[in-house]
C-alpha atoms as a PDB file:
ATOM      1  CA  UNK A   1     126.134 126.462  92.944  1.00  0.00           C
ATOM      2  CA  UNK A   2     125.261 122.780  94.455  1.00  0.00           C
ATOM      3  CA  UNK A   3     123.070 122.182  97.240  1.00  0.00           C
ATOM      4  CA  UNK A   4     123.134 119.983  99.232  1.00  0.00           C
ATOM      5  CA  UNK A   5     120.656 117.148  99.996  1.00  0.00           C
ATOM      6  CA  UNK A   6     118.437 118.393 102.802  1.00  0.00           C
ATOM      7  CA  UNK A   7     114.905 117.153 105.002  1.00  0.00           C
ATOM      8  CA  UNK A   8     112.217 119.721 103.434  1.00  0.00           C
ATOM      9  CA  UNK A   9     110.697 116.464 101.633  1.00  0.00           C
ATOM     10  CA  UNK A  10     110.886 114.655 104.859  1.00  0.00           C
ATOM     11  CA  UNK A  11     109.645 117.762 107.351  1.00  0.00           C
ATOM     12  CA  UNK A  12     106.603 118.111 104.693  1.00  0.00           C
ATOM     13  CA  UNK A  13     105.557 114.435 105.217  1.00  0.00           C
ATOM     14  CA  UNK A  14     106.347 114.570 108.659  1.00  0.00           C
ATOM     15  CA  UNK A  15     103.971 117.268 108.955  1.00  0.00           C
ATOM     16  CA  UNK A  16     100.887 115.169 107.124  1.00  0.00           C
ATOM     17  CA  UNK A  17     101.423 112.668 109.920  1.00  0.00           C
ATOM     18  CA  UNK A  18     104.410 110.231 108.950  1.00  0.00           C
ATOM     19  CA  UNK A  19     107.328 109.534 111.782  1.00  0.00           C
ATOM     20  CA  UNK A  20     109.459 106.663 110.052  1.00  0.00           C
ATOM     21  CA  UNK A  21     110.306 108.302 106.771  1.00  0.00           C
ATOM     22  CA  UNK A  22     113.010 105.688 104.725  1.00  0.00           C
ATOM     23  CA  UNK A  23     114.975 106.305 102.098  1.00  0.00           C
ATOM     24  CA  UNK A  24     115.809 104.204  99.844  1.00  0.00           C
ATOM     25  CA  UNK A  25     118.555 103.867  97.303  1.00  0.00           C
ATOM     26  CA  UNK A  26     121.085 101.044  95.227  1.00  0.00           C
ATOM     27  CA  UNK A  27     124.401 100.643  94.042  1.00  0.00           C
ATOM     28  CA  UNK A  28     125.911  98.716  91.182  1.00  0.00           C
ATOM     29  CA  UNK A  29     123.129  98.653  88.342  1.00  0.00           C
ATOM     30  CA  UNK A  30     125.843  99.723  85.914  1.00  0.00           C
ATOM     31  CA  UNK A  31     128.715  96.926  86.705  1.00  0.00           C
ATOM     32  CA  UNK A  32     129.443  93.885  84.831  1.00  0.00           C
ATOM     33  CA  UNK A  33     129.932  91.568  88.060  1.00  0.00           C
ATOM     34  CA  UNK A  34     128.812  91.617  91.457  1.00  0.00           C
ATOM     35  CA  UNK A  35     125.294  91.641  93.251  1.00  0.00           C
ATOM     36  CA  UNK A  36     122.989  95.015  93.457  1.00  0.00           C
ATOM     37  CA  UNK A  37     122.793  96.594  96.786  1.00  0.00           C
ATOM     38  CA  UNK A  38     120.281  98.197  97.984  1.00  0.00           C
ATOM     39  CA  UNK A  39     119.590 100.456 101.414  1.00  0.00           C
ATOM     40  CA  UNK A  40     116.892 102.084 103.284  1.00  0.00           C
ATOM     41  CA  UNK A  41     117.530 104.433 106.426  1.00  0.00           C
ATOM     42  CA  UNK A  42     115.083 106.417 108.569  1.00  0.00           C
ATOM     43  CA  UNK A  43     117.312 109.373 109.771  1.00  0.00           C
ATOM     44  CA  UNK A  44     116.004 111.452 112.933  1.00  0.00           C
ATOM     45  CA  UNK A  45     113.349 114.470 111.570  1.00  0.00           C
ATOM     46  CA  UNK A  46     115.011 116.872 113.996  1.00  0.00           C
ATOM     47  CA  UNK A  47     116.830 120.425 112.748  1.00  0.00           C
ATOM     48  CA  UNK A  48     120.470 119.330 114.154  1.00  0.00           C
ATOM     49  CA  UNK A  49     120.274 115.879 111.772  1.00  0.00           C
ATOM     50  CA  UNK A  50     121.100 117.638 108.956  1.00  0.00           C
ATOM     51  CA  UNK A  51     124.009 119.497 110.502  1.00  0.00           C
ATOM     52  CA  UNK A  52     125.508 115.852 112.182  1.00  0.00           C
ATOM     53  CA  UNK A  53     125.437 114.600 108.337  1.00  0.00           C
ATOM     54  CA  UNK A  54     126.984 117.423 106.938  1.00  0.00           C
ATOM     55  CA  UNK A  55     128.672 116.713 103.990  1.00  0.00           C
ATOM     56  CA  UNK A  56     126.710 113.684 103.219  1.00  0.00           C
ATOM     57  CA  UNK A  57     125.633 113.523  99.027  1.00  0.00           C
ATOM     58  CA  UNK A  58     124.978 111.832  96.279  1.00  0.00           C
ATOM     59  CA  UNK A  59     127.483 109.087  96.643  1.00  0.00           C
ATOM     60  CA  UNK A  60     128.888 109.198  93.008  1.00  0.00           C
ATOM     61  CA  UNK A  61     129.877 112.970  94.390  1.00  0.00           C
ATOM     62  CA  UNK A  62     132.347 111.684  97.077  1.00  0.00           C
ATOM     63  CA  UNK A  63     135.479 110.101  97.077  1.00  0.00           C
ATOM     64  CA  UNK A  64     136.079 106.684  98.286  1.00  0.00           C
ATOM     65  CA  UNK A  65     137.559 107.897 101.302  1.00  0.00           C
ATOM     66  CA  UNK A  66     134.431 111.001 101.724  1.00  0.00           C
ATOM     67  CA  UNK A  67     131.698 108.106 101.705  1.00  0.00           C
ATOM     68  CA  UNK A  68     133.712 105.984 104.311  1.00  0.00           C
ATOM     69  CA  UNK A  69     133.345 108.900 107.053  1.00  0.00           C
ATOM     70  CA  UNK A  70     129.493 109.425 105.487  1.00  0.00           C
ATOM     71  CA  UNK A  71     128.646 106.106 106.144  1.00  0.00           C
ATOM     72  CA  UNK A  72     130.307 106.393 109.204  1.00  0.00           C
ATOM     73  CA  UNK A  73     127.997 109.543 110.509  1.00  0.00           C
ATOM     74  CA  UNK A  74     125.073 107.680 108.891  1.00  0.00           C
ATOM     75  CA  UNK A  75     125.601 104.620 110.750  1.00  0.00           C
ATOM     76  CA  UNK A  76     125.649 106.679 113.772  1.00  0.00           C
ATOM     77  CA  UNK A  77     122.995 109.014 113.295  1.00  0.00           C
ATOM     78  CA  UNK A  78     120.193 106.676 111.798  1.00  0.00           C
ATOM     79  CA  UNK A  79     117.519 105.387 113.715  1.00  0.00           C
ATOM     80  CA  UNK A  80     117.546 102.327 111.111  1.00  0.00           C
ATOM     81  CA  UNK A  81     119.250 100.854 108.394  1.00  0.00           C
ATOM     82  CA  UNK A  82     118.670  98.183 105.901  1.00  0.00           C
ATOM     83  CA  UNK A  83     120.611  96.444 103.476  1.00  0.00           C
ATOM     84  CA  UNK A  84     119.169  94.208 100.939  1.00  0.00           C
ATOM     85  CA  UNK A  85     120.928  92.453  97.934  1.00  0.00           C
ATOM     86  CA  UNK A  86     120.064  91.043  94.467  1.00  0.00           C
ATOM     87  CA  UNK A  87     122.769  88.483  93.686  1.00  0.00           C
ATOM     88  CA  UNK A  88     124.762  87.635  90.589  1.00  0.00           C
ATOM     89  CA  UNK A  89     122.067  84.739  90.195  1.00  0.00           C
ATOM     90  CA  UNK A  90     119.136  86.889  90.518  1.00  0.00           C
ATOM     91  CA  UNK A  91     120.603  89.502  88.572  1.00  0.00           C
ATOM     92  CA  UNK A  92     121.350  86.909  85.112  1.00  0.00           C
ATOM     93  CA  UNK A  93     117.643  84.651  85.669  1.00  0.00           C
ATOM     94  CA  UNK A  94     114.948  87.772  86.434  1.00  0.00           C
ATOM     95  CA  UNK A  95     117.108  90.668  85.075  1.00  0.00           C
ATOM     96  CA  UNK A  96     118.629  93.331  86.909  1.00  0.00           C
ATOM     97  CA  UNK A  97     115.118  95.498  86.948  1.00  0.00           C
ATOM     98  CA  UNK A  98     113.555  92.734  89.276  1.00  0.00           C
ATOM     99  CA  UNK A  99     117.079  92.154  90.780  1.00  0.00           C
ATOM    100  CA  UNK A 100     117.430  95.576  91.963  1.00  0.00           C
ATOM    101  CA  UNK A 101     113.574  95.607  93.103  1.00  0.00           C
ATOM    102  CA  UNK A 102     113.992  92.757  94.919  1.00  0.00           C
ATOM    103  CA  UNK A 103     117.176  93.765  96.735  1.00  0.00           C
ATOM    104  CA  UNK A 104     115.241  97.993  97.652  1.00  0.00           C
ATOM    105  CA  UNK A 105     112.548  95.586  99.276  1.00  0.00           C
ATOM    106  CA  UNK A 106     114.749  93.214 101.163  1.00  0.00           C
ATOM    107  CA  UNK A 107     116.521  96.393 102.605  1.00  0.00           C
ATOM    108  CA  UNK A 108     113.458  97.778 103.177  1.00  0.00           C
ATOM    109  CA  UNK A 109     112.747  94.269 105.391  1.00  0.00           C
ATOM    110  CA  UNK A 110     116.204  94.080 106.859  1.00  0.00           C
ATOM    111  CA  UNK A 111     114.917  97.932 108.928  1.00  0.00           C
ATOM    112  CA  UNK A 112     114.628  97.202 112.399  1.00  0.00           C
ATOM    113  CA  UNK A 113     111.834  99.372 112.712  1.00  0.00           C
ATOM    114  CA  UNK A 114     108.610  99.440 110.180  1.00  0.00           C
ATOM    115  CA  UNK A 115     108.745 102.618 107.852  1.00  0.00           C
ATOM    116  CA  UNK A 116     105.262 104.291 107.323  1.00  0.00           C
ATOM    117  CA  UNK A 117     106.685 106.312 103.945  1.00  0.00           C
ATOM    118  CA  UNK A 118     109.190 105.486 101.505  1.00  0.00           C
ATOM    119  CA  UNK A 119     111.184 107.884  99.620  1.00  0.00           C
ATOM    120  CA  UNK A 120     113.025 106.178  96.840  1.00  0.00           C
ATOM    121  CA  UNK A 121     115.712 107.298  93.825  1.00  0.00           C
ATOM    122  CA  UNK A 122     113.828 107.061  90.828  1.00  0.00           C
ATOM    123  CA  UNK A 123     112.761 103.130  91.066  1.00  0.00           C
ATOM    124  CA  UNK A 124     109.135 102.286  91.016  1.00  0.00           C
ATOM    125  CA  UNK A 125     107.973  99.666  93.617  1.00  0.00           C
ATOM    126  CA  UNK A 126     104.474  98.901  92.602  1.00  0.00           C
ATOM    127  CA  UNK A 127     104.373  95.804  95.103  1.00  0.00           C
ATOM    128  CA  UNK A 128     104.460  97.594  98.326  1.00  0.00           C
ATOM    129  CA  UNK A 129     101.665  98.636 100.634  1.00  0.00           C
ATOM    130  CA  UNK A 130     103.882 101.163 102.358  1.00  0.00           C
ATOM    131  CA  UNK A 131     103.017 104.568 100.910  1.00  0.00           C
ATOM    132  CA  UNK A 132     105.877 105.936  99.098  1.00  0.00           C
ATOM    133  CA  UNK A 133     107.545 108.517  96.193  1.00  0.00           C
ATOM    134  CA  UNK A 134     110.008 107.925  93.863  1.00  0.00           C
ATOM    135  CA  UNK A 135     112.005 111.043  92.812  1.00  0.00           C
ATOM    136  CA  UNK A 136     114.577 111.129  90.507  1.00  0.00           C
ATOM    137  CA  UNK A 137     118.068 111.846  91.061  1.00  0.00           C
ATOM    138  CA  UNK A 138     116.291 111.449  94.669  1.00  0.00           C
ATOM    139  CA  UNK A 139     119.539 111.350  95.805  1.00  0.00           C
ATOM    140  CA  UNK A 140     120.579 115.073  95.335  1.00  0.00           C
ATOM    141  CA  UNK A 141     117.768 116.617  97.371  1.00  0.00           C
ATOM    142  CA  UNK A 142     116.954 114.125  99.854  1.00  0.00           C
ATOM    143  CA  UNK A 143     118.924 113.572 102.951  1.00  0.00           C
ATOM    144  CA  UNK A 144     117.509 110.230 103.574  1.00  0.00           C
ATOM    145  CA  UNK A 145     118.051 109.230 100.027  1.00  0.00           C
ATOM    146  CA  UNK A 146     121.547 110.548  99.603  1.00  0.00           C
ATOM    147  CA  UNK A 147     122.175 108.977 103.086  1.00  0.00           C
ATOM    148  CA  UNK A 148     120.432 105.448 101.531  1.00  0.00           C
ATOM    149  CA  UNK A 149     122.892 105.979  98.707  1.00  0.00           C
ATOM    150  CA  UNK A 150     126.471 105.958 100.542  1.00  0.00           C
ATOM    151  CA  UNK A 151     125.194 102.903 102.839  1.00  0.00           C
ATOM    152  CA  UNK A 152     124.523 100.931  99.910  1.00  0.00           C
ATOM    153  CA  UNK A 153     127.822 102.339  97.793  1.00  0.00           C
ATOM    154  CA  UNK A 154     130.132 101.121 100.739  1.00  0.00           C
ATOM    155  CA  UNK A 155     128.433  98.067 101.084  1.00  0.00           C
ATOM    156  CA  UNK A 156     128.951  97.287  97.940  1.00  0.00           C
ATOM    157  CA  UNK A 157     132.419  98.484  97.322  1.00  0.00           C
ATOM    158  CA  UNK A 158     133.174  96.056 100.580  1.00  0.00           C
ATOM    159  CA  UNK A 159     131.821  93.256  98.545  1.00  0.00           C
ATOM    160  CA  UNK A 160     134.099  94.289  95.549  1.00  0.00           C
ATOM    161  CA  UNK A 161     137.265  94.278  97.525  1.00  0.00           C
ATOM    162  CA  UNK A 162     136.002  90.576  99.040  1.00  0.00           C
ATOM    163  CA  UNK A 163     135.647  89.405  95.416  1.00  0.00           C
ATOM    164  CA  UNK A 164     139.677  91.128  94.194  1.00  0.00           C
ATOM    165  CA  UNK A 165     140.625  87.977  96.953  1.00  0.00           C
ATOM    166  CA  UNK A 166     138.722  85.548  95.749  1.00  0.00           C
ATOM    167  CA  UNK A 167     139.004  85.847  92.119  1.00  0.00           C
ATOM    168  CA  UNK A 168     142.570  87.663  91.760  1.00  0.00           C
ATOM    169  CA  UNK A 169     143.367  89.472  88.522  1.00  0.00           C
ATOM    170  CA  UNK A 170     140.358  91.040  87.506  1.00  0.00           C
ATOM    171  CA  UNK A 171     140.751  94.126  89.723  1.00  0.00           C
ATOM    172  CA  UNK A 172     137.627  94.162  91.201  1.00  0.00           C
ATOM    173  CA  UNK A 173     138.486  96.359  94.285  1.00  0.00           C
ATOM    174  CA  UNK A 174     139.581  98.925  91.731  1.00  0.00           C
ATOM    175  CA  UNK A 175     136.747  99.375  89.495  1.00  0.00           C
ATOM    176  CA  UNK A 176     134.055  97.306  91.164  1.00  0.00           C
ATOM    177  CA  UNK A 177     132.949  95.591  88.286  1.00  0.00           C
ATOM    178  CA  UNK A 178     132.471  98.631  86.190  1.00  0.00           C
ATOM    179  CA  UNK A 179     133.580  98.294  82.591  1.00  0.00           C
ATOM    180  CA  UNK A 180     136.602  99.663  82.551  1.00  0.00           C
ATOM    181  CA  UNK A 181     139.714  99.608  80.471  1.00  0.00           C
ATOM    182  CA  UNK A 182     141.179  97.587  83.168  1.00  0.00           C
ATOM    183  CA  UNK A 183     137.985  95.117  83.903  1.00  0.00           C
ATOM    184  CA  UNK A 184     138.072  94.965  79.894  1.00  0.00           C
ATOM    185  CA  UNK A 185     141.964  93.657  79.149  1.00  0.00           C
ATOM    186  CA  UNK A 186     141.507  91.292  82.483  1.00  0.00           C
ATOM    187  CA  UNK A 187     138.649  90.030  81.044  1.00  0.00           C
ATOM    188  CA  UNK A 188     139.917  89.431  77.427  1.00  0.00           C
ATOM    189  CA  UNK A 189     143.230  87.443  79.500  1.00  0.00           C
ATOM    190  CA  UNK A 190     141.289  85.426  81.886  1.00  0.00           C
ATOM    191  CA  UNK A 191     137.486  84.908  80.498  1.00  0.00           C
ATOM    192  CA  UNK A 192     134.413  86.005  82.705  1.00  0.00           C
ATOM    193  CA  UNK A 193     134.230  84.207  86.260  1.00  0.00           C
ATOM    194  CA  UNK A 194     131.774  82.991  88.149  1.00  0.00           C
ATOM    195  CA  UNK A 195     130.821  86.398  89.903  1.00  0.00           C
ATOM    196  CA  UNK A 196     130.622  88.153  86.073  1.00  0.00           C
ATOM    197  CA  UNK A 197     126.420  88.859  85.223  1.00  0.00           C
ATOM    198  CA  UNK A 198     126.874  86.229  82.371  1.00  0.00           C
ATOM    199  CA  UNK A 199     123.548  87.708  80.823  1.00  0.00           C
ATOM    200  CA  UNK A 200     125.147  90.703  80.271  1.00  0.00           C
ATOM    201  CA  UNK A 201     125.821  91.955  76.289  1.00  0.00           C
ATOM    202  CA  UNK A 202     129.827  92.499  77.628  1.00  0.00           C
ATOM    203  CA  UNK A 203     130.366  89.079  79.122  1.00  0.00           C
ATOM    204  CA  UNK A 204     127.893  86.988  76.848  1.00  0.00           C
ATOM    205  CA  UNK A 205     130.615  87.851  73.633  1.00  0.00           C
ATOM    206  CA  UNK A 206     133.863  87.022  75.668  1.00  0.00           C
ATOM    207  CA  UNK A 207     131.715  83.377  75.950  1.00  0.00           C
ATOM    208  CA  UNK A 208     130.654  82.881  72.601  1.00  0.00           C
ATOM    209  CA  UNK A 209     132.385  80.323  71.030  1.00  0.00           C
END
């Protein structure tokens, strides 16, 4: 039986004196095109928060319509939401790992209030002074991280729809830049566009003379 993410860890940290606990997650790591987007979300640590966010879980487990609904719930319930972007240029110049960490740091900086603790999905952010914990599959256990995963995913999906209009023919709105059959066919027909990650092997192979 699947268990929805909860606030048990957040309440444990609350008992230790932390008040502004931000969940941090990203979207777009495996995509061949477009930015990587991170989000940071601080939820009110109240008993009714979990009920208000019923249905919020790892964004990969939700349909697009469910994600949009949950995005609205998170934005309405959250004390603070921040978003950060690691651009295609940054991914190609400094690598995905550093671009991803940059996006997470920008998301944390974008919060209108400073968090006093971070719960981060999988990645470590060693350069921050804020106390933190990295949790593998954190979006499946922490409601704060799950909320951040939805904000990151919906924000990035909307960006990919904009790219779909700017670069027609690639199907960015459908596959969001991931290596689907449709995307591969479009790449063979059109070649890469400026929003493709040219440092990625599948894209480099299409650019070889």
